[in-house]
Amino acid sequence: MARTVEDIEHLELENLSDEQLRTLQSRIREIINQRVQSRIDEFRLMAREAGFEMTLSRIGEGQGRRGRPRIERQSSQDQRRGPLPPLYRNPENPAETWSGRGIPPRWLREQMEKTGKPKEDFLIVRQESREPAA
């Protein structure tokens, strides 16, 4: 016969020893796991009867969609690269620089049109070696 909530509330759990509480906790965990497994089996049977196959895995484990193994994704903060050192500098305004990645800035395009020089002429030259910065 099932106990009511009132019956359970009258249990004097405080009077049980630590070992008795652990045993009770373990037994409760077993019963809950059995009930969950029973429900999962019931859902699998219902899915099969409807023409579906059901696959379950614990959250954070197993495979992702389409059978591919899950990979832990890094946050976008971890994937971002730090700023690149500038490779090109505007001779008219040394504060304007470009790393050489992406679309060339407007100042570079305008300087190339105005002077007719290739972009390599705007490379920043290191003082110690007199070679373009890498």
N, C-alpha and C. Protein backbone atom coordinates (compact mmCIF):
# COMPACT_ATOMS: atom_id res chain seq x y z
N MET A 1 0.83 -1.17 0.00
CA MET A 1 0.00 0.00 0.00
C MET A 1 0.88 1.24 0.00
N ALA A 2 0.54 2.20 -0.84
CA ALA A 2 1.33 3.42 -0.95
C ALA A 2 1.09 4.32 0.25
N ARG A 3 2.13 4.95 0.66
CA ARG A 3 2.01 5.88 1.79
C ARG A 3 1.62 7.24 1.27
N THR A 4 0.95 7.99 2.07
CA THR A 4 0.57 9.34 1.70
C THR A 4 1.67 10.29 2.12
N VAL A 5 1.58 11.52 1.65
CA VAL A 5 2.57 12.53 2.00
C VAL A 5 2.60 12.74 3.50
N GLU A 6 1.43 12.67 4.14
CA GLU A 6 1.37 12.85 5.59
C GLU A 6 2.13 11.75 6.31
N ASP A 7 2.06 10.51 5.79
CA ASP A 7 2.79 9.40 6.41
C ASP A 7 4.30 9.63 6.32
N ILE A 8 4.74 10.12 5.17
CA ILE A 8 6.17 10.34 4.95
C ILE A 8 6.67 11.48 5.82
N GLU A 9 5.86 12.50 5.98
CA GLU A 9 6.27 13.65 6.80
C GLU A 9 6.46 13.27 8.26
N HIS A 10 5.80 12.20 8.71
CA HIS A 10 5.91 11.78 10.11
C HIS A 10 7.13 10.90 10.36
N LEU A 11 7.84 10.52 9.30
CA LEU A 11 9.07 9.75 9.50
C LEU A 11 10.08 10.62 10.24
N GLU A 12 10.74 10.06 11.19
CA GLU A 12 11.72 10.82 11.97
C GLU A 12 13.11 10.54 11.42
N LEU A 13 13.41 11.20 10.30
CA LEU A 13 14.70 11.00 9.64
C LEU A 13 15.86 11.48 10.50
N GLU A 14 15.62 12.46 11.34
CA GLU A 14 16.67 12.99 12.20
C GLU A 14 17.20 11.94 13.17
N ASN A 15 16.38 10.94 13.49
CA ASN A 15 16.78 9.91 14.46
C ASN A 15 17.56 8.77 13.81
N LEU A 16 17.63 8.76 12.48
CA LEU A 16 18.37 7.70 11.79
C LEU A 16 19.87 8.01 11.81
N SER A 17 20.66 6.95 11.82
CA SER A 17 22.12 7.14 11.78
C SER A 17 22.54 7.56 10.37
N ASP A 18 23.77 8.02 10.25
CA ASP A 18 24.28 8.42 8.93
C ASP A 18 24.24 7.24 7.97
N GLU A 19 24.61 6.07 8.44
CA GLU A 19 24.62 4.88 7.59
C GLU A 19 23.21 4.53 7.14
N GLN A 20 22.24 4.64 8.04
CA GLN A 20 20.85 4.35 7.68
C GLN A 20 20.34 5.36 6.64
N LEU A 21 20.71 6.63 6.80
CA LEU A 21 20.31 7.65 5.83
C LEU A 21 20.93 7.38 4.46
N ARG A 22 22.21 6.98 4.45
CA ARG A 22 22.87 6.66 3.17
C ARG A 22 22.20 5.47 2.49
N THR A 23 21.85 4.46 3.29
CA THR A 23 21.18 3.28 2.74
C THR A 23 19.82 3.67 2.17
N LEU A 24 19.08 4.50 2.90
CA LEU A 24 17.78 4.97 2.44
C LEU A 24 17.93 5.79 1.15
N GLN A 25 18.92 6.65 1.14
CA GLN A 25 19.18 7.48 -0.05
C GLN A 25 19.52 6.60 -1.25
N SER A 26 20.34 5.60 -1.03
CA SER A 26 20.73 4.68 -2.10
C SER A 26 19.51 3.92 -2.62
N ARG A 27 18.66 3.47 -1.72
CA ARG A 27 17.46 2.73 -2.12
C ARG A 27 16.50 3.63 -2.92
N ILE A 28 16.37 4.88 -2.49
CA ILE A 28 15.52 5.84 -3.21
C ILE A 28 16.06 6.06 -4.61
N ARG A 29 17.39 6.22 -4.72
CA ARG A 29 18.01 6.43 -6.03
C ARG A 29 17.75 5.23 -6.94
N GLU A 30 17.84 4.01 -6.40
CA GLU A 30 17.59 2.80 -7.19
C GLU A 30 16.15 2.76 -7.70
N ILE A 31 15.20 3.09 -6.82
CA ILE A 31 13.79 3.06 -7.20
C ILE A 31 13.51 4.09 -8.30
N ILE A 32 14.05 5.29 -8.14
CA ILE A 32 13.85 6.33 -9.16
C ILE A 32 14.46 5.90 -10.48
N ASN A 33 15.67 5.34 -10.46
CA ASN A 33 16.32 4.88 -11.70
C ASN A 33 15.49 3.79 -12.37
N GLN A 34 14.93 2.87 -11.58
CA GLN A 34 14.08 1.81 -12.14
C GLN A 34 12.85 2.41 -12.81
N ARG A 35 12.24 3.39 -12.17
CA ARG A 35 11.05 4.04 -12.75
C ARG A 35 11.40 4.78 -14.04
N VAL A 36 12.52 5.48 -14.03
CA VAL A 36 12.94 6.21 -15.24
C VAL A 36 13.19 5.22 -16.36
N GLN A 37 13.91 4.13 -16.07
CA GLN A 37 14.21 3.13 -17.10
C GLN A 37 12.93 2.51 -17.63
N SER A 38 11.97 2.26 -16.75
CA SER A 38 10.69 1.70 -17.16
C SER A 38 9.98 2.65 -18.12
N ARG A 39 9.99 3.94 -17.82
CA ARG A 39 9.34 4.92 -18.69
C ARG A 39 10.07 5.03 -20.03
N ILE A 40 11.39 4.99 -19.99
CA ILE A 40 12.17 5.04 -21.24
C ILE A 40 11.83 3.85 -22.12
N ASP A 41 11.76 2.66 -21.51
CA ASP A 41 11.41 1.46 -22.28
C ASP A 41 10.01 1.60 -22.87
N GLU A 42 9.09 2.17 -22.10
CA GLU A 42 7.72 2.38 -22.59
C GLU A 42 7.72 3.35 -23.79
N PHE A 43 8.49 4.43 -23.70
CA PHE A 43 8.57 5.39 -24.80
C PHE A 43 9.23 4.78 -26.04
N ARG A 44 10.24 3.95 -25.82
CA ARG A 44 10.89 3.29 -26.96
C ARG A 44 9.90 2.38 -27.69
N LEU A 45 9.10 1.64 -26.91
CA LEU A 45 8.10 0.75 -27.50
C LEU A 45 7.07 1.55 -28.28
N MET A 46 6.61 2.66 -27.71
CA MET A 46 5.65 3.51 -28.41
C MET A 46 6.26 4.07 -29.69
N ALA A 47 7.52 4.49 -29.64
CA ALA A 47 8.19 5.04 -30.82
C ALA A 47 8.32 3.97 -31.89
N ARG A 48 8.71 2.76 -31.49
CA ARG A 48 8.86 1.67 -32.46
C ARG A 48 7.52 1.34 -33.11
N GLU A 49 6.46 1.32 -32.32
CA GLU A 49 5.13 1.04 -32.87
C GLU A 49 4.70 2.11 -33.88
N ALA A 50 5.19 3.33 -33.68
CA ALA A 50 4.85 4.43 -34.60
C ALA A 50 5.83 4.50 -35.78
N GLY A 51 6.82 3.60 -35.81
CA GLY A 51 7.76 3.57 -36.93
C GLY A 51 9.01 4.39 -36.72
N PHE A 52 9.32 4.73 -35.47
CA PHE A 52 10.51 5.52 -35.16
C PHE A 52 11.48 4.70 -34.32
N GLU A 53 12.71 5.15 -34.34
CA GLU A 53 13.73 4.57 -33.47
C GLU A 53 14.21 5.68 -32.55
N MET A 54 14.36 5.37 -31.29
CA MET A 54 14.71 6.39 -30.31
C MET A 54 16.08 6.07 -29.72
N THR A 55 16.95 7.07 -29.71
CA THR A 55 18.27 6.94 -29.11
C THR A 55 18.42 8.01 -28.06
N LEU A 56 18.84 7.62 -26.88
CA LEU A 56 19.02 8.57 -25.79
C LEU A 56 20.45 8.52 -25.30
N SER A 57 20.93 9.65 -24.83
CA SER A 57 22.23 9.71 -24.18
C SER A 57 22.15 10.74 -23.07
N ARG A 58 23.02 10.61 -22.12
CA ARG A 58 23.02 11.57 -21.02
C ARG A 58 23.44 12.93 -21.55
N ILE A 59 22.93 13.97 -20.94
CA ILE A 59 23.23 15.33 -21.37
C ILE A 59 24.74 15.54 -21.28
N GLY A 60 25.33 16.06 -22.37
CA GLY A 60 26.76 16.33 -22.41
C GLY A 60 27.61 15.14 -22.80
N GLU A 61 26.99 13.98 -23.00
CA GLU A 61 27.72 12.78 -23.40
C GLU A 61 27.17 12.28 -24.72
N GLY A 62 27.80 11.27 -25.24
CA GLY A 62 27.28 10.61 -26.43
C GLY A 62 27.55 11.39 -27.69
N GLN A 63 26.69 11.16 -28.67
CA GLN A 63 26.90 11.76 -29.97
C GLN A 63 25.93 12.89 -30.21
N GLY A 64 26.35 13.78 -31.09
CA GLY A 64 25.50 14.89 -31.47
C GLY A 64 24.53 14.46 -32.55
N ARG A 65 23.90 15.42 -33.17
CA ARG A 65 22.96 15.10 -34.23
C ARG A 65 23.69 14.43 -35.39
N ARG A 66 22.97 13.60 -36.08
CA ARG A 66 23.46 12.90 -37.28
C ARG A 66 24.62 11.97 -36.98
N GLY A 67 24.73 11.51 -35.75
CA GLY A 67 25.72 10.50 -35.41
C GLY A 67 27.13 10.99 -35.27
N ARG A 68 27.33 12.31 -35.31
CA ARG A 68 28.68 12.83 -35.16
C ARG A 68 29.01 12.98 -33.68
N PRO A 69 30.24 12.67 -33.30
CA PRO A 69 30.60 12.85 -31.89
C PRO A 69 30.52 14.32 -31.51
N ARG A 70 30.09 14.56 -30.29
CA ARG A 70 30.02 15.93 -29.81
C ARG A 70 31.41 16.45 -29.52
N ILE A 71 31.62 17.69 -29.81
CA ILE A 71 32.89 18.33 -29.46
C ILE A 71 32.57 19.47 -28.53
N GLU A 72 33.43 19.67 -27.61
CA GLU A 72 33.25 20.79 -26.70
C GLU A 72 33.61 22.06 -27.45
N ARG A 73 32.68 22.97 -27.51
CA ARG A 73 32.93 24.22 -28.23
C ARG A 73 33.54 25.22 -27.28
N GLN A 74 34.50 25.93 -27.82
CA GLN A 74 35.10 27.01 -27.05
C GLN A 74 34.20 28.23 -27.16
N SER A 75 34.24 29.03 -26.17
CA SER A 75 33.45 30.26 -26.25
C SER A 75 34.05 31.16 -27.33
N SER A 76 33.24 32.05 -27.84
CA SER A 76 33.72 32.94 -28.89
C SER A 76 34.87 33.80 -28.37
N GLN A 77 34.90 34.03 -27.08
CA GLN A 77 35.98 34.81 -26.47
C GLN A 77 37.32 34.06 -26.65
N ASP A 78 37.29 32.72 -26.49
CA ASP A 78 38.51 31.93 -26.62
C ASP A 78 38.97 31.83 -28.07
N GLN A 79 38.02 31.85 -29.00
CA GLN A 79 38.36 31.65 -30.40
C GLN A 79 38.88 32.92 -31.06
N ARG A 80 38.57 34.06 -30.50
CA ARG A 80 39.02 35.31 -31.12
C ARG A 80 40.52 35.45 -31.00
N ARG A 81 41.09 35.97 -32.02
CA ARG A 81 42.52 36.22 -32.00
C ARG A 81 42.75 37.63 -31.49
N GLY A 82 43.93 37.84 -30.98
CA GLY A 82 44.27 39.18 -30.51
C GLY A 82 44.52 40.10 -31.68
N PRO A 83 44.69 41.37 -31.41
CA PRO A 83 44.94 42.31 -32.51
C PRO A 83 46.27 42.01 -33.20
N LEU A 84 46.29 42.23 -34.50
CA LEU A 84 47.51 42.00 -35.28
C LEU A 84 48.34 43.27 -35.32
N PRO A 85 49.64 43.13 -35.42
CA PRO A 85 50.47 44.33 -35.54
C PRO A 85 50.24 44.97 -36.91
N PRO A 86 50.32 46.27 -37.00
CA PRO A 86 50.10 46.93 -38.29
C PRO A 86 51.23 46.65 -39.27
N LEU A 87 50.89 46.50 -40.53
CA LEU A 87 51.88 46.30 -41.60
C LEU A 87 51.99 47.52 -42.50
N TYR A 88 50.90 48.29 -42.58
CA TYR A 88 50.88 49.44 -43.48
C TYR A 88 50.54 50.69 -42.67
N ARG A 89 51.14 51.85 -43.09
CA ARG A 89 50.89 53.11 -42.40
C ARG A 89 50.65 54.20 -43.42
N ASN A 90 49.72 55.07 -43.09
CA ASN A 90 49.41 56.22 -43.94
C ASN A 90 50.52 57.26 -43.73
N PRO A 91 51.28 57.62 -44.78
CA PRO A 91 52.36 58.60 -44.59
C PRO A 91 51.84 60.00 -44.23
N GLU A 92 50.61 60.33 -44.60
CA GLU A 92 50.04 61.63 -44.28
C GLU A 92 49.48 61.70 -42.87
N ASN A 93 49.10 60.55 -42.33
CA ASN A 93 48.57 60.48 -40.97
C ASN A 93 49.08 59.19 -40.33
N PRO A 94 50.23 59.22 -39.63
CA PRO A 94 50.83 58.00 -39.08
C PRO A 94 49.95 57.25 -38.08
N ALA A 95 48.89 57.87 -37.60
CA ALA A 95 48.00 57.19 -36.67
C ALA A 95 47.12 56.16 -37.40
N GLU A 96 46.99 56.31 -38.72
CA GLU A 96 46.18 55.38 -39.51
C GLU A 96 47.06 54.23 -39.98
N THR A 97 46.72 53.02 -39.53
CA THR A 97 47.49 51.83 -39.90
C THR A 97 46.53 50.74 -40.34
N TRP A 98 47.09 49.69 -40.94
CA TRP A 98 46.31 48.54 -41.38
C TRP A 98 47.15 47.30 -41.20
N SER A 99 46.53 46.21 -40.74
CA SER A 99 47.26 44.96 -40.48
C SER A 99 47.47 44.14 -41.75
N GLY A 100 46.78 44.48 -42.82
CA GLY A 100 46.94 43.72 -44.06
C GLY A 100 45.85 42.66 -44.22
N ARG A 101 44.96 42.55 -43.27
CA ARG A 101 43.86 41.58 -43.35
C ARG A 101 42.57 42.31 -43.65
N GLY A 102 41.72 41.62 -44.39
CA GLY A 102 40.42 42.19 -44.71
C GLY A 102 40.50 43.19 -45.85
N ILE A 103 39.48 43.99 -45.97
CA ILE A 103 39.40 44.99 -47.05
C ILE A 103 40.35 46.13 -46.73
N PRO A 104 41.15 46.56 -47.69
CA PRO A 104 42.06 47.69 -47.43
C PRO A 104 41.27 48.93 -47.01
N PRO A 105 41.79 49.69 -46.08
CA PRO A 105 41.07 50.88 -45.61
C PRO A 105 41.02 51.96 -46.70
N ARG A 106 40.09 52.85 -46.50
CA ARG A 106 39.88 53.92 -47.47
C ARG A 106 41.15 54.75 -47.68
N TRP A 107 41.88 55.06 -46.60
CA TRP A 107 43.06 55.90 -46.75
C TRP A 107 44.08 55.24 -47.66
N LEU A 108 44.22 53.92 -47.59
CA LEU A 108 45.18 53.22 -48.45
C LEU A 108 44.74 53.25 -49.91
N ARG A 109 43.46 52.98 -50.13
CA ARG A 109 42.96 53.02 -51.51
C ARG A 109 43.13 54.42 -52.11
N GLU A 110 42.81 55.44 -51.31
CA GLU A 110 42.94 56.82 -51.81
C GLU A 110 44.40 57.17 -52.08
N GLN A 111 45.32 56.75 -51.20
CA GLN A 111 46.74 57.03 -51.40
C GLN A 111 47.25 56.32 -52.65
N MET A 112 46.82 55.08 -52.86
CA MET A 112 47.27 54.35 -54.04
C MET A 112 46.76 55.03 -55.32
N GLU A 113 45.52 55.51 -55.31
CA GLU A 113 44.98 56.19 -56.49
C GLU A 113 45.68 57.53 -56.71
N LYS A 114 45.89 58.27 -55.62
CA LYS A 114 46.48 59.60 -55.73
C LYS A 114 47.93 59.55 -56.17
N THR A 115 48.72 58.63 -55.60
CA THR A 115 50.16 58.59 -55.90
C THR A 115 50.50 57.59 -56.99
N GLY A 116 49.62 56.63 -57.26
CA GLY A 116 49.92 55.61 -58.25
C GLY A 116 50.89 54.55 -57.73
N LYS A 117 51.16 54.56 -56.43
CA LYS A 117 52.09 53.59 -55.85
C LYS A 117 51.35 52.30 -55.47
N PRO A 118 52.07 51.17 -55.51
CA PRO A 118 51.45 49.93 -55.04
C PRO A 118 51.38 49.93 -53.50
N LYS A 119 50.57 49.06 -52.95
CA LYS A 119 50.39 49.07 -51.49
C LYS A 119 51.68 48.72 -50.76
N GLU A 120 52.59 48.00 -51.41
CA GLU A 120 53.86 47.63 -50.76
C GLU A 120 54.67 48.86 -50.38
N ASP A 121 54.45 49.97 -51.06
CA ASP A 121 55.17 51.20 -50.74
C ASP A 121 54.72 51.81 -49.41
N PHE A 122 53.63 51.33 -48.88
CA PHE A 122 53.11 51.85 -47.61
C PHE A 122 53.41 50.92 -46.44
N LEU A 123 54.23 49.88 -46.71
CA LEU A 123 54.61 48.95 -45.64
C LEU A 123 55.40 49.69 -44.57
N ILE A 124 55.18 49.29 -43.33
CA ILE A 124 55.95 49.85 -42.22
C ILE A 124 57.32 49.18 -42.23
N VAL A 125 58.38 49.98 -42.21
CA VAL A 125 59.74 49.44 -42.25
C VAL A 125 60.31 49.49 -40.85
N ARG A 126 60.86 48.36 -40.40
CA ARG A 126 61.49 48.32 -39.08
C ARG A 126 62.80 49.09 -39.14
N GLN A 127 63.07 49.84 -38.13
CA GLN A 127 64.28 50.67 -38.10
C GLN A 127 65.56 49.85 -38.02
N GLU A 128 65.53 48.74 -37.23
CA GLU A 128 66.78 48.00 -37.01
C GLU A 128 67.22 47.21 -38.23
N SER A 129 66.31 46.64 -39.00
CA SER A 129 66.72 45.81 -40.13
C SER A 129 66.39 46.43 -41.47
N ARG A 130 65.59 47.49 -41.48
CA ARG A 130 65.17 48.17 -42.70
C ARG A 130 64.43 47.20 -43.64
N GLU A 131 63.73 46.20 -43.04
CA GLU A 131 62.91 45.28 -43.83
C GLU A 131 61.46 45.48 -43.42
N PRO A 132 60.54 45.14 -44.31
CA PRO A 132 59.13 45.28 -43.95
C PRO A 132 58.79 44.45 -42.73
N ALA A 133 57.88 44.98 -41.93
CA ALA A 133 57.44 44.24 -40.74
C ALA A 133 56.65 43.03 -41.17
N ALA A 134 56.84 41.92 -40.43
CA ALA A 134 56.12 40.69 -40.77
C ALA A 134 54.99 40.43 -39.83
